[in-house]
Amino acid sequence: MSDEDAVTGHGIYLSANFEIEEKISSDQTKDAAYRTYILSIPCTGANRARSFSYEIRATGFSGKGFKLLAKNIYNLRGGFFPRNRLDTSNDQLFFEALDRGIITHNEGFVHNLSDTVGITGLGRVSKTETILEETIQHLIPKNPGLDKLTTVVTVEHSDYHPEKRAQVCRVEYRIRPFPHLAGSHKTMRVGRECLFHGYIKDFNEVTECYIAIVNKVSATCGNAEPHEMGNGSGMKKSIEGGSSSQVNPNKPVKFNPRAVNSPFKSPLITSDSKSSLPFGPSEFTETSFSSASSRSQASSAQKVFGEPEVEETGEEPVRPKATKGCAPPKSNKSTAPPPSKRPRAPRAIRAKAGRSSGSGAVVDIASDD
């Protein structure tokens, strides 16, 4: 890949505990400025028994209160830009000075910081090969007669600058045949974009690249070949258009919110079933406007004779069905309406009629005379 073909955003990110060896930038009068320090990446070697520390430069922008002191150990993280040369002193680390963490002073620290520089890189695969590492054959005793091969993936990263042409750097990532990485090497194709997580283990003097041991690798969809992108298990082609549509019966229906100008729809669900209760006509008849006194007299008469209250709608009332073993009693009473009441005579006429009844005369209280 040439410089013109480099894509922005394919960078490298480091995070580790570094020992500040020396400060090389002069103190400025400004409160906030860039300060550069000398650091080292200690490594024990990949598939070889030797240890080296590779010198780099670290630059951070901060105030006087956040400057780093020599011989102290700090936790730094930021973008890393190697030059791919044997002299690694020009490799630059731009760390976040305001977020640096103080670990301890070097005088009381007796531990080794080798193989502790974590690396995360997104880039394009430019080359793949397999090698045999003798130092890891005893780690996987599953098949003693079969050699475990390590996949070496050379990835190109780009150094993006808004005003300058992007520069390309290379890093070798080794995918060892460990169970948690099984099958990862099959997704490595030239031109595919991948994301790697690991730690720096060594430096290759032949290719002038840092060697990183991979702990996690993820293949992205960037720059994937067309034949590598297949239809998934929930996809099938439609007959008419030839495009793929997802078919998943377990997937719920997608909620579609109602627009402001759309007509109102009731949330109640209507069914085709009919009610068993009869309903009268919707038109108003003369009985609808009858007086309350006539309705009360009719209802009282119905209660006396044991008949249900019936509206004068011209339809037969629906009688409840009798249960088995309990037949309704038969009534011998007449269903004729009760006789109309005769008007009562005044008190004076009733008293006269009472005196006349003693003499045996019959007086018609309904007559006018």
Protein backbone atom coordinates (compact mmCIF):
# COMPACT_ATOMS: atom_id res chain seq x y z
CA MET A 1 0.00 0.00 0.00
CA SER A 2 1.38 3.38 -1.00
CA ASP A 3 1.00 6.65 0.85
CA GLU A 4 -1.74 7.78 -1.52
CA ASP A 5 -3.83 4.70 -0.77
CA ALA A 6 -3.70 5.13 3.01
CA VAL A 7 -7.07 5.53 4.66
CA THR A 8 -7.49 7.84 7.61
CA GLY A 9 -8.51 6.45 10.96
CA HIS A 10 -6.42 3.25 10.88
CA GLY A 11 -4.27 4.10 13.86
CA ILE A 12 -2.55 2.42 16.82
CA TYR A 13 -3.33 3.01 20.48
CA LEU A 14 -0.94 2.15 23.34
CA SER A 15 -1.66 1.84 27.04
CA ALA A 16 0.99 0.79 29.59
CA ASN A 17 3.15 1.73 32.57
CA PHE A 18 6.26 3.58 31.39
CA GLU A 19 9.35 4.73 33.21
CA ILE A 20 10.30 8.33 32.45
CA GLU A 21 14.00 8.17 31.65
CA GLU A 22 14.68 11.77 30.71
CA LYS A 23 13.00 15.01 29.72
CA ILE A 24 14.38 16.47 26.50
CA SER A 25 12.13 19.50 25.95
CA SER A 26 13.13 22.81 27.49
CA ASP A 27 10.85 24.55 29.96
CA GLN A 28 8.82 27.31 28.37
CA THR A 29 7.39 30.45 29.88
CA LYS A 30 3.84 29.47 28.95
CA ASP A 31 1.64 27.70 31.48
CA ALA A 32 0.59 25.04 28.95
CA ALA A 33 2.95 23.57 26.37
CA TYR A 34 4.08 20.35 24.70
CA ARG A 35 6.65 18.40 26.69
CA THR A 36 8.68 15.50 25.28
CA TYR A 37 10.17 12.65 27.27
CA ILE A 38 12.30 9.57 26.59
CA LEU A 39 10.61 6.22 27.24
CA SER A 40 11.35 2.58 26.45
CA ILE A 41 9.26 -0.44 25.42
CA PRO A 42 10.79 -3.45 27.23
CA CYS A 43 10.31 -6.85 25.52
CA THR A 44 11.44 -10.39 26.36
CA GLY A 45 11.41 -11.57 22.73
CA ALA A 46 9.06 -13.70 20.65
CA ASN A 47 10.31 -17.24 20.08
CA ARG A 48 13.82 -16.31 21.23
CA ALA A 49 15.48 -16.03 24.62
CA ARG A 50 16.64 -12.43 24.77
CA SER A 51 15.34 -9.20 26.25
CA PHE A 52 15.61 -5.70 24.81
CA SER A 53 14.08 -2.32 25.49
CA TYR A 54 13.32 -0.10 22.51
CA GLU A 55 13.61 3.63 23.02
CA ILE A 56 10.78 5.90 21.85
CA ARG A 57 9.65 9.51 22.32
CA ALA A 58 6.54 10.54 24.25
CA THR A 59 4.94 13.96 23.83
CA GLY A 60 2.05 15.38 25.84
CA PHE A 61 0.31 18.73 26.11
CA SER A 62 -0.33 19.89 29.66
CA GLY A 63 0.34 22.57 32.22
CA LYS A 64 3.15 22.82 34.73
CA GLY A 65 1.15 20.95 37.34
CA PHE A 66 0.89 17.85 35.11
CA LYS A 67 4.46 17.57 33.85
CA LEU A 68 6.22 14.22 34.33
CA LEU A 69 9.26 13.75 36.55
CA ALA A 70 12.23 11.64 35.62
CA LYS A 71 12.76 8.25 37.29
CA ASN A 72 9.05 7.94 38.02
CA ILE A 73 6.64 5.37 36.61
CA TYR A 74 3.41 6.64 35.05
CA ASN A 75 0.47 5.02 33.35
CA LEU A 76 0.26 6.60 29.90
CA ARG A 77 -2.01 5.98 26.94
CA GLY A 78 -2.34 7.56 23.53
CA GLY A 79 -1.71 7.24 19.81
CA PHE A 80 1.47 5.52 18.63
CA PHE A 81 3.21 6.12 15.29
CA PRO A 82 6.21 3.89 14.51
CA ARG A 83 8.57 4.78 11.64
CA ASN A 84 9.52 1.18 10.73
CA ARG A 85 13.25 1.76 11.09
CA LEU A 86 15.97 0.05 13.09
CA ASP A 87 16.45 3.24 15.06
CA THR A 88 13.25 3.32 17.09
CA SER A 89 14.08 6.58 18.84
CA ASN A 90 11.98 8.49 16.30
CA ASP A 91 8.83 6.49 17.05
CA GLN A 92 6.33 8.90 18.58
CA LEU A 93 3.76 8.40 21.33
CA PHE A 94 1.26 11.23 21.83
CA PHE A 95 -0.09 10.58 25.30
CA GLU A 96 -2.92 12.27 27.17
CA ALA A 97 -1.02 14.26 29.76
CA LEU A 98 -4.06 15.33 31.78
CA ASP A 99 -5.07 11.69 32.30
CA ARG A 100 -1.68 10.29 33.29
CA GLY A 101 -1.56 8.18 36.43
CA ILE A 102 1.30 8.14 38.90
CA ILE A 103 2.32 4.59 39.81
CA THR A 104 5.47 4.81 41.94
CA HIS A 105 9.05 6.00 42.06
CA ASN A 106 11.64 3.93 40.25
CA GLU A 107 13.96 3.62 43.27
CA GLY A 108 11.50 1.49 45.24
CA PHE A 109 10.16 -0.46 42.23
CA VAL A 110 11.92 -3.82 41.80
CA HIS A 111 9.57 -5.50 39.30
CA ASN A 112 10.00 -5.92 35.57
CA LEU A 113 7.80 -4.02 33.08
CA SER A 114 8.57 -6.28 30.12
CA ASP A 115 5.70 -7.36 27.85
CA THR A 116 3.22 -5.00 29.54
CA VAL A 117 2.65 -2.50 26.71
CA GLY A 118 -0.88 -3.04 25.49
CA ILE A 119 -1.66 -2.29 21.85
CA THR A 120 -4.93 -1.84 19.94
CA GLY A 121 -4.76 -1.37 16.19
CA LEU A 122 -7.20 -1.08 13.32
CA GLY A 123 -5.77 -1.63 9.86
CA ARG A 124 -5.72 -3.52 6.60
CA VAL A 125 -4.12 -6.92 6.18
CA SER A 126 -1.28 -6.78 3.66
CA LYS A 127 0.36 -10.18 4.18
CA THR A 128 -0.26 -13.48 5.95
CA GLU A 129 2.06 -16.42 6.63
CA THR A 130 2.47 -19.29 9.09
CA ILE A 131 5.50 -20.08 11.23
CA LEU A 132 6.42 -22.68 13.81
CA GLU A 133 7.20 -21.35 17.28
CA GLU A 134 9.02 -23.92 19.34
CA THR A 135 8.48 -22.03 22.58
CA ILE A 136 4.72 -22.63 22.58
CA GLN A 137 4.52 -26.28 21.49
CA HIS A 138 4.27 -27.46 25.09
CA LEU A 139 1.36 -25.11 25.81
CA ILE A 140 -1.16 -27.10 23.72
CA PRO A 141 -0.71 -30.86 24.31
CA LYS A 142 -3.99 -31.80 22.62
CA ASN A 143 -2.35 -33.33 19.53
CA PRO A 144 1.26 -34.22 20.39
CA GLY A 145 2.02 -35.44 16.89
CA LEU A 146 0.76 -32.30 15.15
CA ASP A 147 2.79 -29.11 15.16
CA LYS A 148 0.93 -25.98 16.15
CA LEU A 149 1.45 -23.23 13.61
CA THR A 150 1.29 -19.52 14.37
CA THR A 151 -0.30 -17.16 11.86
CA VAL A 152 1.70 -13.97 11.27
CA VAL A 153 -0.45 -11.13 9.92
CA THR A 154 1.23 -7.96 8.65
CA VAL A 155 -1.16 -5.03 9.03
CA GLU A 156 -0.78 -1.53 7.60
CA HIS A 157 -1.83 1.43 9.73
CA SER A 158 -2.01 5.05 8.64
CA ASP A 159 -0.64 8.11 10.40
CA TYR A 160 -3.31 10.71 9.73
CA HIS A 161 -2.51 14.39 9.77
CA PRO A 162 -5.03 17.05 8.64
CA GLU A 163 -2.39 19.11 6.80
CA LYS A 164 0.12 16.49 5.66
CA ARG A 165 0.05 13.37 3.57
CA ALA A 166 -0.81 10.25 5.53
CA GLN A 167 2.13 7.97 6.28
CA VAL A 168 1.85 4.21 6.54
CA CYS A 169 3.34 2.06 9.30
CA ARG A 170 3.38 -1.73 9.64
CA VAL A 171 2.98 -4.03 12.63
CA GLU A 172 3.24 -7.83 12.74
CA TYR A 173 0.49 -9.52 14.73
CA ARG A 174 0.97 -13.15 15.70
CA ILE A 175 -2.17 -15.27 16.16
CA ARG A 176 -1.08 -18.28 18.17
CA PRO A 177 -3.07 -21.57 18.09
CA PHE A 178 -4.76 -21.05 21.43
CA PRO A 179 -8.34 -22.22 22.12
CA HIS A 180 -9.74 -18.70 22.52
CA LEU A 181 -8.36 -17.80 19.06
CA ALA A 182 -9.45 -20.95 17.25
CA GLY A 183 -10.63 -20.16 13.73
CA SER A 184 -9.47 -16.52 13.82
CA HIS A 185 -6.75 -17.12 11.26
CA LYS A 186 -9.34 -18.25 8.72
CA THR A 187 -10.84 -14.76 8.55
CA MET A 188 -7.50 -13.11 7.75
CA ARG A 189 -7.51 -12.12 4.07
CA VAL A 190 -5.35 -9.65 2.21
CA GLY A 191 -7.20 -6.36 1.97
CA ARG A 192 -9.59 -7.03 4.82
CA GLU A 193 -9.88 -4.56 7.67
CA CYS A 194 -9.37 -6.04 11.15
CA LEU A 195 -9.16 -4.86 14.74
CA PHE A 196 -6.41 -6.35 16.92
CA HIS A 197 -5.89 -6.33 20.69
CA GLY A 198 -2.67 -7.58 22.26
CA TYR A 199 0.70 -6.55 23.67
CA ILE A 200 4.12 -5.77 22.16
CA LYS A 201 6.43 -8.75 22.54
CA ASP A 202 9.42 -8.08 20.28
CA PHE A 203 10.87 -6.13 17.35
CA ASN A 204 11.70 -7.78 14.02
CA GLU A 205 15.02 -6.40 12.73
CA VAL A 206 14.48 -7.92 9.28
CA THR A 207 11.11 -6.37 8.53
CA GLU A 208 11.67 -3.43 10.95
CA CYS A 209 8.25 -4.00 12.52
CA TYR A 210 7.05 -4.40 16.07
CA ILE A 211 5.78 -7.87 16.92
CA ALA A 212 2.53 -8.02 18.89
CA ILE A 213 0.97 -11.13 20.43
CA VAL A 214 -2.77 -11.15 19.72
CA ASN A 215 -5.26 -11.68 22.54
CA LYS A 216 -8.35 -10.75 20.53
CA VAL A 217 -9.01 -10.14 16.85
CA SER A 218 -12.19 -9.00 15.12
CA ALA A 219 -12.72 -8.80 11.37
CA THR A 220 -14.77 -5.82 10.24
CA CYS A 221 -16.81 -5.43 7.05
CA GLY A 222 -14.44 -2.84 5.60
CA ASN A 223 -12.83 -3.76 2.27
CA ALA A 224 -14.28 -7.27 2.33
CA GLU A 225 -14.32 -9.27 -0.86
CA PRO A 226 -17.78 -9.82 -2.43
CA HIS A 227 -17.50 -13.62 -2.37
CA GLU A 228 -16.74 -13.56 1.36
CA MET A 229 -20.02 -11.87 2.19
CA GLY A 230 -22.70 -14.62 2.11
CA ASN A 231 -26.34 -14.70 3.09
CA GLY A 232 -26.96 -15.41 6.73
CA SER A 233 -29.10 -18.11 8.21
CA GLY A 234 -32.18 -15.92 8.48
CA MET A 235 -32.09 -14.56 4.94
CA LYS A 236 -33.56 -15.74 1.68
CA LYS A 237 -33.98 -14.22 -1.76
CA SER A 238 -37.35 -13.04 -2.95
CA ILE A 239 -38.69 -14.40 -6.21
CA GLU A 240 -39.66 -11.13 -7.87
CA GLY A 241 -36.91 -8.65 -7.11
CA GLY A 242 -34.06 -11.01 -6.23
CA SER A 243 -33.21 -8.98 -3.10
CA SER A 244 -32.81 -10.56 0.32
CA SER A 245 -35.46 -10.15 2.98
CA GLN A 246 -35.28 -11.23 6.56
CA VAL A 247 -37.64 -13.98 7.67
CA ASN A 248 -37.79 -14.45 11.40
CA PRO A 249 -41.08 -15.64 12.94
CA ASN A 250 -39.83 -14.89 16.45
CA LYS A 251 -39.18 -11.25 15.69
CA PRO A 252 -41.94 -8.92 16.99
CA VAL A 253 -43.72 -6.52 14.73
CA LYS A 254 -41.97 -3.22 14.43
CA PHE A 255 -43.75 -0.33 16.13
CA ASN A 256 -44.86 2.34 13.69
CA PRO A 257 -45.81 5.61 15.45
CA ARG A 258 -48.92 7.41 14.17
CA ALA A 259 -48.35 10.65 12.27
CA VAL A 260 -49.97 13.89 13.38
CA ASN A 261 -52.21 14.24 10.31
CA SER A 262 -53.22 10.58 10.15
CA PRO A 263 -56.87 9.63 10.96
CA PHE A 264 -57.67 8.35 14.40
CA LYS A 265 -57.87 4.59 14.85
CA SER A 266 -59.41 3.05 17.91
CA PRO A 267 -57.08 0.79 19.88
CA LEU A 268 -59.97 -1.61 20.56
CA ILE A 269 -60.03 -4.73 18.42
CA THR A 270 -63.42 -5.55 16.86
CA SER A 271 -64.52 -9.12 16.30
CA ASP A 272 -67.19 -10.78 14.12
CA SER A 273 -69.09 -12.32 17.05
CA LYS A 274 -72.68 -11.19 17.78
CA SER A 275 -74.21 -10.52 21.15
CA SER A 276 -76.93 -12.84 22.46
CA LEU A 277 -78.86 -9.95 24.01
CA PRO A 278 -81.67 -8.50 21.85
CA PHE A 279 -81.76 -4.80 21.22
CA GLY A 280 -84.88 -2.81 20.41
CA PRO A 281 -85.33 -0.56 17.42
CA SER A 282 -83.33 2.62 17.36
CA GLU A 283 -86.44 4.67 16.37
CA PHE A 284 -88.46 6.42 19.07
CA THR A 285 -92.09 5.27 19.42
CA GLU A 286 -95.02 6.67 21.34
CA THR A 287 -94.28 4.39 24.29
CA SER A 288 -90.90 6.02 24.65
CA PHE A 289 -92.63 9.26 25.58
CA SER A 290 -95.28 7.75 27.93
CA SER A 291 -95.67 9.20 31.40
CA ALA A 292 -93.78 7.81 34.34
CA SER A 293 -97.01 7.16 36.27
CA SER A 294 -98.39 4.83 33.63
CA ARG A 295 -95.13 2.90 33.54
CA SER A 296 -95.08 2.54 37.29
CA GLN A 297 -98.73 1.29 37.35
CA ALA A 298 -97.96 -1.28 34.65
CA SER A 299 -94.86 -2.49 36.45
CA SER A 300 -96.74 -2.84 39.77
CA ALA A 301 -99.49 -4.85 38.08
CA GLN A 302 -96.92 -7.13 36.50
CA LYS A 303 -95.33 -7.75 39.86
CA VAL A 304 -98.71 -8.71 41.36
CA PHE A 305 -99.56 -11.23 38.64
CA GLY A 306 -95.97 -12.56 38.32
CA GLU A 307 -95.41 -11.46 34.75
CA PRO A 308 -92.11 -9.92 33.60
CA GLU A 309 -92.03 -6.32 32.53
CA VAL A 310 -92.36 -6.08 28.76
CA GLU A 311 -91.78 -3.02 26.65
CA GLU A 312 -94.28 -2.31 23.94
CA THR A 313 -91.85 -2.78 21.13
CA GLY A 314 -93.82 -5.39 19.18
CA GLU A 315 -91.26 -8.14 19.86
CA GLU A 316 -91.54 -11.20 22.05
CA PRO A 317 -89.41 -11.03 25.21
CA VAL A 318 -86.57 -13.47 25.67
CA ARG A 319 -87.31 -15.77 28.56
CA PRO A 320 -84.45 -17.41 30.44
CA LYS A 321 -83.96 -21.08 29.81
CA ALA A 322 -85.05 -23.39 32.60
CA THR A 323 -82.42 -25.58 34.15
CA LYS A 324 -82.82 -29.32 34.30
CA GLY A 325 -84.51 -30.71 37.40
CA CYS A 326 -86.08 -27.39 38.32
CA ALA A 327 -89.14 -26.78 36.15
CA PRO A 328 -90.81 -23.38 36.43
CA PRO A 329 -94.15 -23.43 38.35
CA LYS A 330 -97.30 -23.24 36.30
CA SER A 331 -99.52 -20.35 37.10
CA ASN A 332 -103.36 -20.65 36.83
CA LYS A 333 -103.92 -16.98 37.25
CA SER A 334 -105.39 -15.07 34.37
CA THR A 335 -103.12 -12.85 32.42
CA ALA A 336 -105.92 -10.33 31.75
CA PRO A 337 -105.14 -6.79 32.82
CA PRO A 338 -106.73 -5.70 36.12
CA PRO A 339 -110.08 -3.81 36.00
CA SER A 340 -109.90 -0.12 35.99
CA LYS A 341 -110.60 1.52 39.33
CA ARG A 342 -113.84 3.46 39.74
CA PRO A 343 -113.48 6.97 40.98
CA ARG A 344 -114.13 7.39 44.67
CA ALA A 345 -117.12 9.47 45.84
CA PRO A 346 -116.73 12.45 48.14
CA ARG A 347 -116.87 11.89 51.90
CA ALA A 348 -120.35 13.41 52.25
CA ILE A 349 -121.84 10.98 49.74
CA ARG A 350 -120.09 8.03 51.43
CA ALA A 351 -121.52 9.03 54.80
CA LYS A 352 -125.06 9.38 53.39
CA ALA A 353 -124.70 6.01 51.73
CA GLY A 354 -123.73 4.50 55.08
CA ARG A 355 -126.85 5.87 56.82
CA SER A 356 -129.03 4.69 53.96
CA SER A 357 -127.59 1.19 54.12
CA GLY A 358 -129.02 0.83 57.59
CA SER A 359 -132.58 1.21 56.23
CA GLY A 360 -131.97 -1.32 53.50
CA ALA A 361 -132.00 1.14 50.60
CA VAL A 362 -129.39 0.90 47.92
CA VAL A 363 -127.87 4.14 46.80
CA ASP A 364 -125.94 4.50 43.55
CA ILE A 365 -122.94 6.62 44.51
CA ALA A 366 -121.94 6.92 40.88
CA SER A 367 -125.14 8.79 39.89
CA ASP A 368 -125.16 12.55 39.59
CA ASP A 369 -128.36 12.99 41.64
